Amino acid sequence: MGAFLIDKKSWTIATRLLGMSITLLTLSTAYLHFYYADNRPGVPEEKVGRIYPLNVHGRIVYLVKKEQVGLYVLEGATLGCILGFVVVVQTGQKRRF
């Protein structure tokens, strides 16, 4: 119930912080995808564990497990911020300031 006692300025700050986070995380995710596309092999290398495929606009490259998990975490954080942003905006719009 305490969350509904937040003033308009706090909602605005939360919205802006989430918006900036979404932008930063989206750019980071895109950069990492394209970095991997340019710097990872197009054939699997089982000896080093580079067996996890990543499709970047039709080009398949292979990652090690750590790289794949890192991408999943980054994508999950981006999605979490987007959902948080939607909740904050929708909750703020329903409130009467």
Protein backbone atom coordinates (compact mmCIF):
# COMPACT_ATOMS: atom_id res chain seq x y z
CA MET A 1 0.00 0.00 0.00
CA GLY A 2 2.94 2.34 0.65
CA ALA A 3 3.81 2.28 -3.07
CA PHE A 4 0.61 4.16 -3.82
CA LEU A 5 1.65 7.05 -1.59
CA ILE A 6 4.46 8.10 -3.92
CA ASP A 7 4.21 11.61 -5.33
CA LYS A 8 4.18 12.57 -9.02
CA LYS A 9 7.86 13.58 -9.03
CA SER A 10 8.92 10.11 -7.85
CA TRP A 11 6.83 8.46 -10.57
CA THR A 12 8.46 10.72 -13.15
CA ILE A 13 11.94 9.86 -11.89
CA ALA A 14 11.15 6.13 -11.92
CA THR A 15 9.80 6.37 -15.46
CA ARG A 16 12.86 8.24 -16.71
CA LEU A 17 15.30 5.87 -15.00
CA LEU A 18 13.56 2.84 -16.45
CA GLY A 19 13.46 4.49 -19.89
CA MET A 20 17.20 5.20 -19.78
CA SER A 21 17.88 1.66 -18.56
CA ILE A 22 15.85 0.21 -21.41
CA THR A 23 17.78 2.31 -23.92
CA LEU A 24 21.16 1.34 -22.49
CA LEU A 25 20.30 -2.36 -22.23
CA THR A 26 18.83 -2.48 -25.75
CA LEU A 27 21.91 -0.84 -27.25
CA SER A 28 24.19 -3.16 -25.26
CA THR A 29 22.29 -6.23 -26.42
CA ALA A 30 22.40 -5.13 -30.07
CA TYR A 31 26.10 -4.31 -29.82
CA LEU A 32 26.91 -7.70 -28.31
CA HIS A 33 24.90 -9.56 -30.97
CA PHE A 34 26.72 -7.79 -33.79
CA TYR A 35 30.08 -8.10 -32.03
CA TYR A 36 29.60 -11.85 -31.77
CA ALA A 37 28.45 -12.02 -35.41
CA ASP A 38 31.69 -10.37 -36.52
CA ASN A 39 34.08 -12.13 -34.12
CA ARG A 40 32.82 -15.67 -33.64
CA PRO A 41 33.26 -18.61 -36.00
CA GLY A 42 30.54 -19.82 -38.35
CA VAL A 43 31.33 -23.46 -37.57
CA PRO A 44 31.10 -25.15 -34.18
CA GLU A 45 34.34 -25.86 -32.30
CA GLU A 46 33.58 -28.71 -29.94
CA LYS A 47 37.06 -28.76 -28.40
CA VAL A 48 36.61 -25.31 -26.86
CA GLY A 49 32.88 -25.66 -26.21
CA ARG A 50 31.82 -23.23 -28.93
CA ILE A 51 28.69 -25.20 -29.81
CA TYR A 52 25.79 -22.85 -29.02
CA PRO A 53 24.37 -21.27 -32.20
CA LEU A 54 23.41 -17.62 -32.43
CA ASN A 55 21.43 -16.43 -35.44
CA VAL A 56 22.22 -12.80 -36.24
CA HIS A 57 20.10 -11.76 -39.23
CA GLY A 58 20.51 -15.11 -40.96
CA ARG A 59 24.18 -15.56 -40.11
CA ILE A 60 24.87 -18.40 -37.68
CA VAL A 61 27.84 -18.10 -35.34
CA TYR A 62 28.75 -20.32 -32.41
CA LEU A 63 29.21 -19.24 -28.82
CA VAL A 64 30.51 -20.84 -25.65
CA LYS A 65 28.00 -21.38 -22.85
CA LYS A 66 29.18 -18.31 -20.88
CA GLU A 67 28.58 -16.03 -23.86
CA GLN A 68 25.13 -17.49 -24.47
CA VAL A 69 24.12 -17.14 -20.82
CA GLY A 70 25.40 -13.55 -20.80
CA LEU A 71 23.20 -12.70 -23.77
CA TYR A 72 20.18 -14.34 -22.11
CA VAL A 73 20.76 -12.37 -18.91
CA LEU A 74 21.10 -9.11 -20.83
CA GLU A 75 17.94 -9.83 -22.83
CA GLY A 76 16.08 -10.80 -19.64
CA ALA A 77 17.15 -7.59 -17.90
CA THR A 78 15.94 -5.59 -20.89
CA LEU A 79 12.58 -7.33 -20.84
CA GLY A 80 12.31 -6.83 -17.07
CA CYS A 81 12.91 -3.10 -17.43
CA ILE A 82 10.33 -2.88 -20.22
CA LEU A 83 7.74 -4.62 -18.06
CA GLY A 84 8.64 -2.41 -15.09
CA PHE A 85 8.27 0.66 -17.27
CA VAL A 86 4.83 -0.45 -18.43
CA VAL A 87 3.72 -1.08 -14.84
CA VAL A 88 5.01 2.30 -13.63
CA VAL A 89 3.41 4.18 -16.53
CA GLN A 90 0.08 2.37 -16.24
CA THR A 91 -0.02 2.76 -12.46
CA GLY A 92 0.89 6.43 -12.73
CA GLN A 93 -1.84 7.06 -15.30
CA LYS A 94 -4.49 5.44 -13.11
CA ARG A 95 -3.57 7.59 -10.13
CA ARG A 96 -5.05 11.04 -9.74
CA PHE A 97 -2.36 13.54 -8.89
